[in-house]
């Protein structure tokens, strides 16, 4: 189910607050960090927030939402929904962990993840 703007905002604010706490904890434990160490920590945390933002946005895309079972790209039979599966994707902001609908053809054993309309299949 799609999230509202406010739901996404609340989710992202919670993630940002957790990362701020993580930074403040790091700062308290670091013994006189130099600029490079501070930059490294800031960049690491910025990367985490960026990945979380991308995951929230991608999770709300059409491919992540339940759809009518696609036709098998090999034999044309309507595929069976097998549930949501987690999948790691390398992106420009790092590794994203996404959930997508997973479909299976009982006739030829073709698998589609996510639905074919996103052009990402595995067989």
Protein backbone atom coordinates (compact mmCIF):
# COMPACT_ATOMS: atom_id res chain seq x y z
CA UNK A 1 0.00 0.00 0.00
CA UNK A 2 1.30 3.42 -0.89
CA UNK A 3 2.37 5.71 1.90
CA UNK A 4 1.21 9.28 2.21
CA UNK A 5 3.68 12.13 2.13
CA UNK A 6 3.28 12.51 5.92
CA UNK A 7 3.96 8.81 6.51
CA UNK A 8 7.13 8.99 4.43
CA UNK A 9 8.13 12.21 6.19
CA UNK A 10 7.68 10.60 9.62
CA UNK A 11 9.68 7.55 8.57
CA UNK A 12 12.54 9.67 7.21
CA UNK A 13 12.56 12.03 10.20
CA UNK A 14 12.83 9.03 12.52
CA UNK A 15 15.76 7.71 10.48
CA UNK A 16 17.46 11.12 10.47
CA UNK A 17 17.02 11.49 14.22
CA UNK A 18 18.57 8.06 14.79
CA UNK A 19 21.56 9.02 12.64
CA UNK A 20 21.98 12.32 14.49
CA UNK A 21 22.01 10.39 17.78
CA UNK A 22 24.59 8.01 16.30
CA UNK A 23 26.76 10.97 15.28
CA UNK A 24 26.48 12.61 18.70
CA UNK A 25 27.38 9.29 20.39
CA UNK A 26 30.39 8.96 18.07
CA UNK A 27 31.45 12.54 18.80
CA UNK A 28 31.30 11.94 22.56
CA UNK A 29 33.38 8.77 22.26
CA UNK A 30 35.93 10.06 19.76
CA UNK A 31 39.02 11.47 21.41
CA UNK A 32 39.73 14.82 19.78
CA UNK A 33 38.84 13.77 16.23
CA UNK A 34 40.57 15.62 13.45
CA UNK A 35 38.72 17.13 10.49
CA UNK A 36 39.26 14.06 8.31
CA UNK A 37 37.77 11.74 10.96
CA UNK A 38 34.78 14.04 11.39
CA UNK A 39 34.28 14.20 7.61
CA UNK A 40 34.53 10.40 7.34
CA UNK A 41 31.83 9.93 9.96
CA UNK A 42 29.58 12.60 8.44
CA UNK A 43 29.94 11.05 4.98
CA UNK A 44 29.20 7.57 6.32
CA UNK A 45 26.03 8.76 8.03
CA UNK A 46 25.01 10.87 5.04
CA UNK A 47 25.30 7.74 2.89
CA UNK A 48 23.03 5.81 5.25
CA UNK A 49 20.38 8.54 5.15
CA UNK A 50 20.62 8.74 1.35
CA UNK A 51 20.09 4.98 1.03
CA UNK A 52 17.10 5.12 3.39
CA UNK A 53 15.58 7.98 1.39
CA UNK A 54 16.01 6.02 -1.84
CA UNK A 55 14.50 2.87 -0.29
CA UNK A 56 11.43 4.81 0.90
CA UNK A 57 10.95 6.34 -2.55
CA UNK A 58 11.47 3.07 -4.44
CA UNK A 59 9.18 1.13 -2.09
CA UNK A 60 6.34 3.44 -3.12
CA UNK A 61 6.83 2.88 -6.86
CA UNK A 62 4.35 0.85 -8.87
CA UNK A 63 6.65 -2.19 -9.11
CA UNK A 64 6.59 -2.61 -5.33
CA UNK A 65 2.81 -2.50 -5.14
CA UNK A 66 0.63 -5.59 -5.63
CA UNK A 67 -0.33 -5.99 -9.27
CA UNK A 68 -2.35 -8.40 -11.35
CA UNK A 69 -0.25 -11.51 -11.88
CA UNK A 70 1.83 -11.06 -15.04
CA UNK A 71 1.88 -13.48 -17.93
CA UNK A 72 4.94 -15.69 -18.09
CA UNK A 73 7.43 -14.22 -20.57
CA UNK A 74 8.31 -17.76 -21.80
CA UNK A 75 5.00 -19.63 -22.10
CA UNK A 76 2.28 -17.00 -21.62
CA UNK A 77 0.57 -18.65 -18.62
CA UNK A 78 -0.60 -16.36 -15.81
CA UNK A 79 2.09 -16.46 -13.12
CA UNK A 80 1.42 -17.17 -9.45
CA UNK A 81 2.22 -14.59 -6.77
CA UNK A 82 4.66 -16.08 -4.27
CA UNK A 83 4.86 -13.13 -1.89
CA UNK A 84 7.24 -10.28 -1.29
CA UNK A 85 10.96 -11.03 -1.46
CA UNK A 86 13.82 -8.85 -0.32
CA UNK A 87 16.42 -8.05 -2.92
CA UNK A 88 19.67 -6.07 -2.78
CA UNK A 89 20.34 -3.65 -5.61
CA UNK A 90 23.53 -1.70 -6.18
CA UNK A 91 22.69 1.93 -6.85
CA UNK A 92 24.55 5.22 -7.06
CA UNK A 93 23.75 5.84 -3.38
CA UNK A 94 24.92 2.37 -2.31
CA UNK A 95 23.29 -0.99 -1.73
CA UNK A 96 19.52 -0.71 -1.38
CA UNK A 97 17.43 -3.47 0.18
CA UNK A 98 14.07 -3.56 -1.58
CA UNK A 99 10.98 -5.73 -1.36
CA UNK A 100 9.27 -6.71 -4.56
CA UNK A 101 6.48 -8.99 -5.65
CA UNK A 102 7.82 -12.38 -6.70
CA UNK A 103 5.96 -14.42 -9.32
CA UNK A 104 6.45 -18.01 -10.47
CA UNK A 105 5.22 -19.98 -13.47
CA UNK A 106 4.25 -23.53 -12.49
CA UNK A 107 4.43 -24.68 -16.11
CA UNK A 108 7.96 -23.65 -17.16
CA UNK A 109 9.35 -22.58 -13.77
CA UNK A 110 10.19 -19.05 -14.93
CA UNK A 111 10.50 -16.55 -12.08
CA UNK A 112 9.91 -12.82 -12.26
CA UNK A 113 11.17 -10.42 -9.59
CA UNK A 114 9.88 -7.71 -9.61
CA UNK A 115 6.96 -7.94 -12.05
CA UNK A 116 8.06 -8.03 -15.68
CA UNK A 117 6.88 -4.51 -16.44
CA UNK A 118 10.00 -3.26 -14.64
CA UNK A 119 12.16 -5.32 -17.02
CA UNK A 120 13.99 -7.12 -14.22
CA UNK A 121 13.69 -10.89 -14.59
CA UNK A 122 15.61 -13.88 -13.38
CA UNK A 123 15.21 -17.34 -14.77
